[in-house]
Each structure stands twice: as structure tokens, then as C-alpha cells.
């Protein structure tokens, strides 16, 4: 029995990773209307909200809008840092989906392009895709997981890019809301 488990350890890990991604995505999607409630808990709430918003794979969540609004309420630097850390950890779900080898989108041309960019530009692809709001970062995470990029490297470049993006939205929220109120 133990020898069979050893032989299929990677397959079991991939199946568990896929199940975790599906479970997290379903959970976050089911609470999407109540996600903003976490913001009342200050910076830890913003961290949790950003984590949940980025933990979905290919499903939209309201993270950036809350970061924009909270930038006008709290210190925008700390809002951006909290949201960047939470968002980067949340993006682990896309990485896991790719690592599982069961990417639902593996035959889509945009996914194939992302894999080619990851092979050619690696870290810069992650940084650029994470730093700018776009619907394709999940595909970047999947490509990184499928290519077996070391997790800590993926996490670092994701954190840097997501933090840049969240800082920009927090400061935009702070300056925009100050003009109106």
C-alpha cells in the first residue's frame, strides 16, 4: 500500500491541489456579495478581502474597488501593503491549478501565449501581469504552476506586482475621495 502511494504521490498531490482550487473558488464566489464586510476590520480585513478576491480562479471578485475606497479611509500606504500581501497569497490558487496539471484552459490560445511568455520572460511576465489590472493573471499563475516555477519565486514576483497595483489604487482612492469630501 505504501509503495503504491509513493509511486502516485505527485498524481495525488495534483488531484488535491485541483480540489483545493475548486473548493476555494466556489467558497469565495458564494460569499462575493458579503466580501466588503471584511473591510470594517481595518488592515487585517483588507488583507483577508484581497486574499479572497484573488483566490478565485477565473471568477470576478470586488477586491480593487474596496482597496480604492479604503485608501480614502485609512493610510493608503498601509492599505496597499496589506492588500498586496493578501492578494499575492490569494493568487496561489491559480498557481495550484497549473501545478495540478488540470488547467481547464490549457488549449486556449491566450493560455498558450502566456506559457510562451513565461518560458521566454519568466519573472518579468509575472511582475507585469500582476502590476496591471487585467483578467489574465490567473492564466499567468496557471502557466507558472504548470511550468513548475519554484513557489517562492512566483510568490515574490506576484507580491511585488500586486503590491504596486494595490498601492496605486489605494493612493488613487485617497486623492480622489479627498477632492469630493
N, C-alpha and C. Protein backbone atom coordinates (compact mmCIF):
# COMPACT_ATOMS: atom_id res chain seq x y z
N UNK A 1 0.83 -1.20 0.00
CA UNK A 1 0.00 0.00 0.00
C UNK A 1 0.87 1.26 0.00
N UNK A 2 1.89 1.27 0.88
CA UNK A 2 2.77 2.44 0.97
C UNK A 2 3.53 2.65 -0.33
N UNK A 3 3.96 1.57 -0.97
CA UNK A 3 4.69 1.67 -2.23
C UNK A 3 3.81 2.26 -3.33
N UNK A 4 2.53 1.90 -3.33
CA UNK A 4 1.60 2.44 -4.32
C UNK A 4 1.41 3.94 -4.10
N UNK A 5 1.29 4.36 -2.84
CA UNK A 5 1.15 5.78 -2.54
C UNK A 5 2.40 6.56 -2.95
N UNK A 6 3.57 6.00 -2.69
CA UNK A 6 4.82 6.65 -3.09
C UNK A 6 4.89 6.82 -4.60
N UNK A 7 4.47 5.79 -5.31
CA UNK A 7 4.54 5.81 -6.76
C UNK A 7 3.61 6.88 -7.35
N UNK A 8 2.49 7.09 -6.72
CA UNK A 8 1.49 8.02 -7.24
C UNK A 8 1.41 9.31 -6.43
N UNK A 9 2.44 9.61 -5.69
CA UNK A 9 2.44 10.79 -4.81
C UNK A 9 2.20 12.09 -5.58
N UNK A 10 2.86 12.28 -6.71
CA UNK A 10 2.68 13.50 -7.49
C UNK A 10 1.25 13.59 -8.04
N UNK A 11 0.72 12.48 -8.51
CA UNK A 11 -0.65 12.47 -9.02
C UNK A 11 -1.63 12.82 -7.91
N UNK A 12 -1.43 12.27 -6.73
CA UNK A 12 -2.30 12.57 -5.59
C UNK A 12 -2.18 14.04 -5.22
N UNK A 13 -0.97 14.58 -5.21
CA UNK A 13 -0.77 15.99 -4.89
C UNK A 13 -1.47 16.88 -5.92
N UNK A 14 -1.41 16.51 -7.17
CA UNK A 14 -2.06 17.30 -8.22
C UNK A 14 -3.58 17.27 -8.08
N UNK A 15 -4.12 16.11 -7.78
CA UNK A 15 -5.56 16.00 -7.59
C UNK A 15 -6.01 16.81 -6.38
N UNK A 16 -5.27 16.73 -5.28
CA UNK A 16 -5.60 17.52 -4.09
C UNK A 16 -5.50 19.02 -4.37
N UNK A 17 -4.50 19.42 -5.14
CA UNK A 17 -4.36 20.84 -5.50
C UNK A 17 -5.55 21.30 -6.32
N UNK A 18 -5.97 20.50 -7.28
CA UNK A 18 -7.12 20.85 -8.11
C UNK A 18 -8.38 20.95 -7.27
N UNK A 19 -8.60 20.01 -6.36
CA UNK A 19 -9.77 20.05 -5.48
C UNK A 19 -9.74 21.28 -4.58
N UNK A 20 -8.56 21.65 -4.09
CA UNK A 20 -8.44 22.86 -3.26
C UNK A 20 -8.81 24.10 -4.05
N UNK A 21 -8.35 24.20 -5.28
CA UNK A 21 -8.66 25.36 -6.13
C UNK A 21 -10.16 25.45 -6.39
N UNK A 22 -10.76 24.33 -6.73
CA UNK A 22 -12.20 24.32 -6.99
C UNK A 22 -12.97 24.71 -5.73
N UNK A 23 -12.59 24.14 -4.59
CA UNK A 23 -13.26 24.45 -3.33
C UNK A 23 -13.13 25.91 -2.95
N UNK A 24 -11.94 26.46 -3.04
CA UNK A 24 -11.71 27.88 -2.71
C UNK A 24 -12.51 28.78 -3.64
N UNK A 25 -12.50 28.48 -4.92
CA UNK A 25 -13.23 29.31 -5.88
C UNK A 25 -14.73 29.29 -5.62
N UNK A 26 -15.27 28.12 -5.34
CA UNK A 26 -16.71 28.02 -5.05
C UNK A 26 -17.04 28.78 -3.77
N UNK A 27 -16.23 28.62 -2.73
CA UNK A 27 -16.49 29.32 -1.47
C UNK A 27 -16.46 30.83 -1.65
N UNK A 28 -15.41 31.34 -2.28
CA UNK A 28 -15.28 32.79 -2.45
C UNK A 28 -16.39 33.33 -3.33
N UNK A 29 -16.72 32.60 -4.38
CA UNK A 29 -17.81 33.06 -5.25
C UNK A 29 -19.13 33.09 -4.50
N UNK A 30 -19.34 32.16 -3.59
CA UNK A 30 -20.60 32.11 -2.84
C UNK A 30 -20.73 33.25 -1.83
N UNK A 31 -19.61 33.82 -1.36
CA UNK A 31 -19.68 34.92 -0.39
C UNK A 31 -19.34 36.26 -1.02
N UNK A 32 -19.28 36.34 -2.34
CA UNK A 32 -18.82 37.56 -3.02
C UNK A 32 -19.63 38.79 -2.65
N UNK A 33 -20.92 38.64 -2.36
CA UNK A 33 -21.75 39.80 -2.03
C UNK A 33 -21.48 40.32 -0.62
N UNK A 34 -20.88 39.51 0.23
CA UNK A 34 -20.59 39.92 1.60
C UNK A 34 -19.11 40.21 1.83
N UNK A 35 -18.31 40.14 0.80
CA UNK A 35 -16.85 40.27 0.96
C UNK A 35 -16.45 41.63 1.50
N UNK A 36 -17.17 42.69 1.11
CA UNK A 36 -16.81 44.03 1.55
C UNK A 36 -16.88 44.18 3.07
N UNK A 37 -17.63 43.31 3.74
CA UNK A 37 -17.78 43.40 5.19
C UNK A 37 -16.44 43.25 5.92
N UNK A 38 -15.48 42.60 5.30
CA UNK A 38 -14.18 42.41 5.94
C UNK A 38 -13.42 43.73 6.11
N UNK A 39 -13.74 44.72 5.29
CA UNK A 39 -13.02 45.99 5.35
C UNK A 39 -13.23 46.72 6.67
N UNK A 40 -14.32 46.44 7.39
CA UNK A 40 -14.56 47.11 8.68
C UNK A 40 -13.53 46.68 9.73
N UNK A 41 -12.78 45.65 9.47
CA UNK A 41 -11.77 45.17 10.41
C UNK A 41 -10.41 45.81 10.18
N UNK A 42 -10.37 46.89 9.41
CA UNK A 42 -9.13 47.62 9.19
C UNK A 42 -8.18 46.88 8.28
N UNK A 43 -6.90 47.02 8.56
CA UNK A 43 -5.87 46.43 7.68
C UNK A 43 -5.95 44.91 7.61
N UNK A 44 -6.19 44.20 8.74
CA UNK A 44 -6.36 42.74 8.61
C UNK A 44 -7.56 42.38 7.73
N UNK A 45 -8.63 43.15 7.83
CA UNK A 45 -9.79 42.91 6.98
C UNK A 45 -9.49 43.14 5.51
N UNK A 46 -8.70 44.17 5.23
CA UNK A 46 -8.30 44.45 3.85
C UNK A 46 -7.42 43.31 3.32
N UNK A 47 -6.52 42.82 4.18
CA UNK A 47 -5.68 41.67 3.81
C UNK A 47 -6.56 40.47 3.44
N UNK A 48 -7.53 40.14 4.30
CA UNK A 48 -8.41 38.99 4.07
C UNK A 48 -9.23 39.20 2.80
N UNK A 49 -9.77 40.39 2.63
CA UNK A 49 -10.57 40.68 1.45
C UNK A 49 -9.74 40.51 0.17
N UNK A 50 -8.53 41.04 0.17
CA UNK A 50 -7.66 40.91 -1.00
C UNK A 50 -7.31 39.45 -1.25
N UNK A 51 -7.06 38.71 -0.18
CA UNK A 51 -6.78 37.27 -0.32
C UNK A 51 -7.96 36.58 -0.99
N UNK A 52 -9.17 36.81 -0.47
CA UNK A 52 -10.35 36.16 -1.02
C UNK A 52 -10.63 36.59 -2.46
N UNK A 53 -10.45 37.87 -2.74
CA UNK A 53 -10.71 38.37 -4.10
C UNK A 53 -9.76 37.76 -5.11
N UNK A 54 -8.55 37.46 -4.70
CA UNK A 54 -7.56 36.90 -5.62
C UNK A 54 -7.50 35.38 -5.58
N UNK A 55 -8.20 34.76 -4.64
CA UNK A 55 -8.17 33.30 -4.52
C UNK A 55 -9.08 32.62 -5.52
N UNK A 56 -9.98 33.35 -6.14
CA UNK A 56 -10.84 32.74 -7.14
C UNK A 56 -10.05 32.54 -8.42
N UNK A 57 -10.40 31.50 -9.14
CA UNK A 57 -9.75 31.25 -10.43
C UNK A 57 -10.80 31.47 -11.51
N UNK A 58 -10.55 32.45 -12.35
CA UNK A 58 -11.40 32.80 -13.48
C UNK A 58 -12.80 33.27 -13.08
N UNK A 59 -12.98 33.69 -11.83
CA UNK A 59 -14.25 34.27 -11.38
C UNK A 59 -13.96 35.65 -10.81
N UNK A 60 -14.79 36.64 -11.13
CA UNK A 60 -14.51 38.00 -10.65
C UNK A 60 -14.84 38.18 -9.17
N UNK A 61 -14.08 39.04 -8.50
CA UNK A 61 -14.32 39.39 -7.10
C UNK A 61 -14.00 40.87 -6.93
N UNK A 62 -14.60 41.55 -5.92
CA UNK A 62 -14.54 43.01 -5.83
C UNK A 62 -13.34 43.61 -5.13
N UNK A 63 -12.19 43.03 -5.17
CA UNK A 63 -11.04 43.49 -4.38
C UNK A 63 -10.55 44.89 -4.66
N UNK A 64 -10.34 45.25 -5.91
CA UNK A 64 -9.74 46.55 -6.24
C UNK A 64 -10.66 47.70 -5.84
N UNK A 65 -11.96 47.54 -6.00
CA UNK A 65 -12.90 48.60 -5.63
C UNK A 65 -12.83 48.91 -4.14
N UNK A 66 -12.70 47.87 -3.33
CA UNK A 66 -12.61 48.08 -1.88
C UNK A 66 -11.28 48.73 -1.52
N UNK A 67 -10.19 48.33 -2.17
CA UNK A 67 -8.89 48.96 -1.91
C UNK A 67 -8.95 50.44 -2.27
N UNK A 68 -9.58 50.77 -3.38
CA UNK A 68 -9.76 52.16 -3.79
C UNK A 68 -10.51 52.94 -2.70
N UNK A 69 -11.61 52.38 -2.23
CA UNK A 69 -12.42 53.05 -1.21
C UNK A 69 -11.69 53.15 0.12
N UNK A 70 -11.02 52.09 0.53
CA UNK A 70 -10.33 52.09 1.82
C UNK A 70 -9.10 52.99 1.81
N UNK A 71 -8.54 53.24 0.62
CA UNK A 71 -7.42 54.18 0.51
C UNK A 71 -7.82 55.58 0.94
N UNK A 72 -9.10 55.90 0.82
CA UNK A 72 -9.59 57.19 1.26
C UNK A 72 -9.97 57.23 2.73
N UNK A 73 -10.02 56.07 3.37
CA UNK A 73 -10.42 55.98 4.78
C UNK A 73 -9.20 55.79 5.67
N UNK A 74 -8.32 54.88 5.27
CA UNK A 74 -7.14 54.53 6.05
C UNK A 74 -5.88 55.09 5.37
N UNK A 75 -4.73 54.86 5.97
CA UNK A 75 -3.45 55.24 5.38
C UNK A 75 -3.27 54.45 4.08
N UNK A 76 -3.20 55.13 2.92
CA UNK A 76 -3.13 54.41 1.65
C UNK A 76 -1.88 53.53 1.50
N UNK A 77 -0.78 53.91 2.13
CA UNK A 77 0.42 53.07 2.06
C UNK A 77 0.15 51.73 2.74
N UNK A 78 -0.44 51.77 3.93
CA UNK A 78 -0.72 50.52 4.65
C UNK A 78 -1.83 49.71 4.00
N UNK A 79 -2.81 50.40 3.41
CA UNK A 79 -3.86 49.70 2.66
C UNK A 79 -3.23 48.94 1.49
N UNK A 80 -2.37 49.61 0.73
CA UNK A 80 -1.72 48.97 -0.41
C UNK A 80 -0.85 47.80 -0.01
N UNK A 81 -0.12 47.95 1.09
CA UNK A 81 0.74 46.85 1.55
C UNK A 81 -0.08 45.66 2.04
N UNK A 82 -1.14 45.93 2.80
CA UNK A 82 -2.00 44.84 3.29
C UNK A 82 -2.68 44.13 2.13
N UNK A 83 -3.22 44.90 1.20
CA UNK A 83 -3.90 44.31 0.05
C UNK A 83 -2.91 43.58 -0.86
N UNK A 84 -1.71 44.11 -1.00
CA UNK A 84 -0.69 43.45 -1.82
C UNK A 84 -0.30 42.10 -1.26
N UNK A 85 -0.11 42.03 0.06
CA UNK A 85 0.26 40.76 0.69
C UNK A 85 -0.89 39.75 0.59
N UNK A 86 -2.10 40.19 0.89
CA UNK A 86 -3.25 39.29 0.80
C UNK A 86 -3.51 38.84 -0.62
N UNK A 87 -3.42 39.78 -1.55
CA UNK A 87 -3.65 39.45 -2.95
C UNK A 87 -2.63 38.47 -3.50
N UNK A 88 -1.38 38.66 -3.13
CA UNK A 88 -0.32 37.75 -3.61
C UNK A 88 -0.55 36.34 -3.09
N UNK A 89 -0.90 36.21 -1.81
CA UNK A 89 -1.17 34.88 -1.27
C UNK A 89 -2.40 34.25 -1.91
N UNK A 90 -3.39 35.08 -2.22
CA UNK A 90 -4.60 34.57 -2.87
C UNK A 90 -4.33 34.04 -4.26
N UNK A 91 -3.36 34.60 -4.94
CA UNK A 91 -3.04 34.14 -6.30
C UNK A 91 -2.43 32.74 -6.33
N UNK A 92 -2.14 32.21 -5.16
CA UNK A 92 -1.62 30.85 -5.07
C UNK A 92 -2.59 29.84 -5.69
N UNK A 93 -3.88 30.16 -5.70
CA UNK A 93 -4.86 29.23 -6.26
C UNK A 93 -4.64 29.00 -7.75
N UNK A 94 -4.32 30.06 -8.49
CA UNK A 94 -4.03 29.89 -9.91
C UNK A 94 -2.79 29.05 -10.14
N UNK A 95 -1.77 29.30 -9.31
CA UNK A 95 -0.54 28.51 -9.37
C UNK A 95 -0.85 27.04 -9.12
N UNK A 96 -1.67 26.77 -8.10
CA UNK A 96 -2.05 25.39 -7.78
C UNK A 96 -2.80 24.74 -8.94
N UNK A 97 -3.68 25.51 -9.58
CA UNK A 97 -4.43 24.96 -10.72
C UNK A 97 -3.47 24.53 -11.82
N UNK A 98 -2.46 25.33 -12.08
CA UNK A 98 -1.47 24.95 -13.09
C UNK A 98 -0.62 23.79 -12.65
N UNK A 99 -0.23 23.79 -11.37
CA UNK A 99 0.59 22.71 -10.83
C UNK A 99 -0.15 21.38 -10.91
N UNK A 100 -1.47 21.43 -10.74
CA UNK A 100 -2.25 20.19 -10.77
C UNK A 100 -2.21 19.54 -12.15
N UNK A 101 -1.83 20.32 -13.15
CA UNK A 101 -1.77 19.76 -14.50
C UNK A 101 -3.14 19.62 -15.13
N UNK A 102 -4.14 20.17 -14.47
CA UNK A 102 -5.50 20.03 -14.95
C UNK A 102 -6.08 21.38 -15.37
N UNK A 103 -5.27 22.22 -15.94
CA UNK A 103 -5.75 23.55 -16.34
C UNK A 103 -6.89 23.40 -17.34
N UNK A 104 -8.03 23.95 -17.00
CA UNK A 104 -9.21 23.88 -17.84
C UNK A 104 -8.98 24.61 -19.15
N UNK A 105 -8.11 25.57 -19.13
CA UNK A 105 -7.90 26.46 -20.28
C UNK A 105 -6.65 26.12 -21.07
N UNK A 106 -6.07 24.95 -20.84
CA UNK A 106 -4.76 24.66 -21.43
C UNK A 106 -4.75 24.66 -22.96
N UNK A 107 -5.90 24.54 -23.59
CA UNK A 107 -5.93 24.55 -25.06
C UNK A 107 -6.31 25.92 -25.62
N UNK A 108 -6.62 26.87 -24.76
CA UNK A 108 -6.97 28.22 -25.22
C UNK A 108 -5.72 28.93 -25.72
N UNK A 109 -5.88 29.70 -26.79
CA UNK A 109 -4.71 30.36 -27.39
C UNK A 109 -4.06 31.36 -26.44
N UNK A 110 -4.86 32.08 -25.64
CA UNK A 110 -4.28 33.05 -24.71
C UNK A 110 -3.46 32.34 -23.64
N UNK A 111 -3.89 31.16 -23.23
CA UNK A 111 -3.12 30.39 -22.25
C UNK A 111 -1.81 29.92 -22.87
N UNK A 112 -1.86 29.46 -24.10
CA UNK A 112 -0.64 29.02 -24.78
C UNK A 112 0.33 30.19 -24.94
N UNK A 113 -0.20 31.38 -25.21
CA UNK A 113 0.64 32.58 -25.32
C UNK A 113 1.28 32.89 -23.96
N UNK A 114 0.50 32.74 -22.89
CA UNK A 114 1.02 33.01 -21.55
C UNK A 114 2.15 32.03 -21.21
N UNK A 115 1.98 30.78 -21.57
CA UNK A 115 3.03 29.78 -21.33
C UNK A 115 4.29 30.17 -22.10
N UNK A 116 4.12 30.60 -23.35
CA UNK A 116 5.28 31.02 -24.15
C UNK A 116 5.97 32.23 -23.52
N UNK A 117 5.19 33.20 -23.04
CA UNK A 117 5.78 34.37 -22.37
C UNK A 117 6.50 33.95 -21.10
N UNK A 118 5.91 33.02 -20.35
CA UNK A 118 6.55 32.56 -19.11
C UNK A 118 7.88 31.88 -19.42
N UNK A 119 7.90 31.09 -20.47
CA UNK A 119 9.15 30.42 -20.84
C UNK A 119 10.21 31.43 -21.29
N UNK A 120 9.76 32.46 -21.99
CA UNK A 120 10.71 33.42 -22.54
C UNK A 120 11.13 34.50 -21.55
N UNK A 121 10.16 35.06 -20.82
CA UNK A 121 10.44 36.20 -19.94
C UNK A 121 10.32 35.89 -18.45
N UNK A 122 9.73 34.77 -18.09
CA UNK A 122 9.65 34.31 -16.71
C UNK A 122 9.16 35.33 -15.71
N UNK A 123 10.06 35.76 -14.84
CA UNK A 123 9.73 36.64 -13.72
C UNK A 123 9.08 37.95 -14.19
N UNK A 124 9.57 38.52 -15.27
CA UNK A 124 9.02 39.78 -15.75
C UNK A 124 7.56 39.61 -16.17
N UNK A 125 7.20 38.46 -16.73
CA UNK A 125 5.81 38.22 -17.10
C UNK A 125 4.92 38.28 -15.87
N UNK A 126 5.36 37.64 -14.80
CA UNK A 126 4.57 37.65 -13.57
C UNK A 126 4.45 39.07 -13.03
N UNK A 127 5.55 39.78 -12.95
CA UNK A 127 5.54 41.15 -12.44
C UNK A 127 4.60 42.04 -13.27
N UNK A 128 4.73 42.00 -14.58
CA UNK A 128 3.91 42.86 -15.44
C UNK A 128 2.44 42.50 -15.37
N UNK A 129 2.12 41.22 -15.39
CA UNK A 129 0.72 40.82 -15.36
C UNK A 129 0.09 41.08 -13.99
N UNK A 130 0.87 41.02 -12.93
CA UNK A 130 0.33 41.28 -11.59
C UNK A 130 0.18 42.76 -11.32
N UNK A 131 1.02 43.59 -11.92
CA UNK A 131 1.02 45.03 -11.61
C UNK A 131 -0.09 45.80 -12.31
N UNK A 132 -0.63 45.27 -13.37
CA UNK A 132 -1.67 45.98 -14.12
C UNK A 132 -2.99 45.22 -14.02
N UNK A 133 -4.08 45.94 -13.79
CA UNK A 133 -5.38 45.27 -13.71
C UNK A 133 -5.71 44.62 -15.06
N UNK A 134 -5.92 43.34 -15.04
CA UNK A 134 -6.29 42.62 -16.25
C UNK A 134 -6.90 41.29 -15.84
N UNK A 135 -7.69 40.70 -16.71
CA UNK A 135 -8.35 39.44 -16.36
C UNK A 135 -7.49 38.20 -16.60
N UNK A 136 -6.24 38.37 -16.97
CA UNK A 136 -5.43 37.23 -17.39
C UNK A 136 -4.40 36.75 -16.37
N UNK A 137 -4.35 37.36 -15.18
CA UNK A 137 -3.31 36.94 -14.25
C UNK A 137 -3.51 35.50 -13.78
N UNK A 138 -4.75 35.04 -13.68
CA UNK A 138 -4.96 33.64 -13.32
C UNK A 138 -4.27 32.71 -14.30
N UNK A 139 -4.30 33.08 -15.58
CA UNK A 139 -3.62 32.27 -16.59
C UNK A 139 -2.10 32.30 -16.39
N UNK A 140 -1.59 33.44 -15.95
CA UNK A 140 -0.15 33.56 -15.66
C UNK A 140 0.22 32.63 -14.51
N UNK A 141 -0.60 32.64 -13.46
CA UNK A 141 -0.35 31.75 -12.33
C UNK A 141 -0.43 30.29 -12.73
N UNK A 142 -1.42 29.96 -13.57
CA UNK A 142 -1.54 28.58 -14.05
C UNK A 142 -0.32 28.17 -14.86
N UNK A 143 0.15 29.08 -15.71
CA UNK A 143 1.34 28.79 -16.52
C UNK A 143 2.55 28.58 -15.62
N UNK A 144 2.70 29.43 -14.59
CA UNK A 144 3.84 29.28 -13.67
C UNK A 144 3.77 27.95 -12.94
N UNK A 145 2.59 27.56 -12.51
CA UNK A 145 2.43 26.27 -11.83
C UNK A 145 2.70 25.10 -12.75
N UNK A 146 2.18 25.19 -13.98
CA UNK A 146 2.39 24.11 -14.93
C UNK A 146 3.86 23.95 -15.29
N UNK A 147 4.57 25.08 -15.37
CA UNK A 147 6.00 25.04 -15.69
C UNK A 147 6.86 24.72 -14.47
N UNK A 148 6.21 24.50 -13.33
CA UNK A 148 6.87 24.14 -12.06
C UNK A 148 7.87 25.20 -11.61
N UNK A 149 7.51 26.47 -11.82
CA UNK A 149 8.33 27.56 -11.28
C UNK A 149 8.34 27.40 -9.77
N UNK A 150 9.47 27.58 -9.11
CA UNK A 150 9.50 27.48 -7.64
C UNK A 150 8.47 28.44 -7.03
N UNK A 151 7.70 27.92 -6.07
CA UNK A 151 6.61 28.69 -5.49
C UNK A 151 7.08 30.01 -4.91
N UNK A 152 8.19 30.01 -4.18
CA UNK A 152 8.65 31.24 -3.54
C UNK A 152 9.02 32.31 -4.56
N UNK A 153 9.54 31.89 -5.70
CA UNK A 153 9.85 32.84 -6.76
C UNK A 153 8.56 33.42 -7.34
N UNK A 154 7.60 32.56 -7.60
CA UNK A 154 6.30 33.02 -8.08
C UNK A 154 5.67 33.99 -7.07
N UNK A 155 5.72 33.62 -5.80
CA UNK A 155 5.12 34.46 -4.76
C UNK A 155 5.79 35.82 -4.67
N UNK A 156 7.12 35.86 -4.74
CA UNK A 156 7.83 37.14 -4.66
C UNK A 156 7.42 38.08 -5.79
N UNK A 157 7.47 37.63 -7.04
CA UNK A 157 7.15 38.50 -8.17
C UNK A 157 5.68 38.86 -8.19
N UNK A 158 4.83 37.94 -7.76
CA UNK A 158 3.40 38.24 -7.65
C UNK A 158 3.18 39.30 -6.59
N UNK A 159 3.81 39.13 -5.42
CA UNK A 159 3.67 40.11 -4.34
C UNK A 159 4.12 41.50 -4.81
N UNK A 160 5.25 41.57 -5.47
CA UNK A 160 5.76 42.86 -5.93
C UNK A 160 4.77 43.52 -6.90
N UNK A 161 4.30 42.76 -7.87
CA UNK A 161 3.37 43.32 -8.85
C UNK A 161 2.02 43.69 -8.26
N UNK A 162 1.45 42.80 -7.45
CA UNK A 162 0.15 43.09 -6.84
C UNK A 162 0.26 44.27 -5.88
N UNK A 163 1.36 44.37 -5.15
CA UNK A 163 1.53 45.49 -4.23
C UNK A 163 1.62 46.81 -4.98
N UNK A 164 2.33 46.84 -6.09
CA UNK A 164 2.38 48.05 -6.92
C UNK A 164 0.97 48.45 -7.35
N UNK A 165 0.21 47.48 -7.83
CA UNK A 165 -1.16 47.75 -8.28
C UNK A 165 -2.04 48.24 -7.14
N UNK A 166 -1.97 47.58 -5.99
CA UNK A 166 -2.82 47.96 -4.86
C UNK A 166 -2.42 49.32 -4.28
N UNK A 167 -1.13 49.61 -4.25
CA UNK A 167 -0.70 50.94 -3.81
C UNK A 167 -1.26 52.02 -4.74
N UNK A 168 -1.22 51.77 -6.02
CA UNK A 168 -1.75 52.74 -6.99
C UNK A 168 -3.24 52.98 -6.74
N UNK A 169 -4.01 51.92 -6.56
CA UNK A 169 -5.44 52.09 -6.33
C UNK A 169 -5.74 52.72 -4.98
N UNK A 170 -4.97 52.38 -3.95
CA UNK A 170 -5.18 52.99 -2.64
C UNK A 170 -4.89 54.49 -2.69
N UNK A 171 -3.80 54.88 -3.35
CA UNK A 171 -3.48 56.30 -3.46
C UNK A 171 -4.46 57.04 -4.37
N UNK A 172 -4.92 56.38 -5.43
CA UNK A 172 -5.95 56.98 -6.27
C UNK A 172 -7.22 57.22 -5.46
N UNK A 173 -7.58 56.24 -4.65
CA UNK A 173 -8.75 56.39 -3.79
C UNK A 173 -8.58 57.51 -2.79
N UNK A 174 -7.40 57.61 -2.21
CA UNK A 174 -7.14 58.66 -1.22
C UNK A 174 -7.23 60.05 -1.85
N UNK A 175 -6.63 60.21 -3.01
CA UNK A 175 -6.65 61.54 -3.64
C UNK A 175 -8.00 61.86 -4.26
N UNK A 176 -8.67 60.88 -4.83
CA UNK A 176 -9.98 61.12 -5.45
C UNK A 176 -11.03 61.43 -4.41
N UNK A 177 -11.04 60.66 -3.34
CA UNK A 177 -12.06 60.85 -2.31
C UNK A 177 -11.84 62.15 -1.55
N UNK A 178 -10.58 62.58 -1.40
CA UNK A 178 -10.31 63.86 -0.72
C UNK A 178 -10.90 65.02 -1.50
N UNK A 179 -10.89 64.94 -2.82
CA UNK A 179 -11.41 66.03 -3.65
C UNK A 179 -12.93 66.15 -3.55
N UNK A 180 -13.59 65.04 -3.28
CA UNK A 180 -15.05 65.05 -3.27
C UNK A 180 -15.65 65.26 -1.89
N UNK A 181 -14.89 64.95 -0.84
CA UNK A 181 -15.48 65.03 0.51
C UNK A 181 -14.70 65.94 1.40
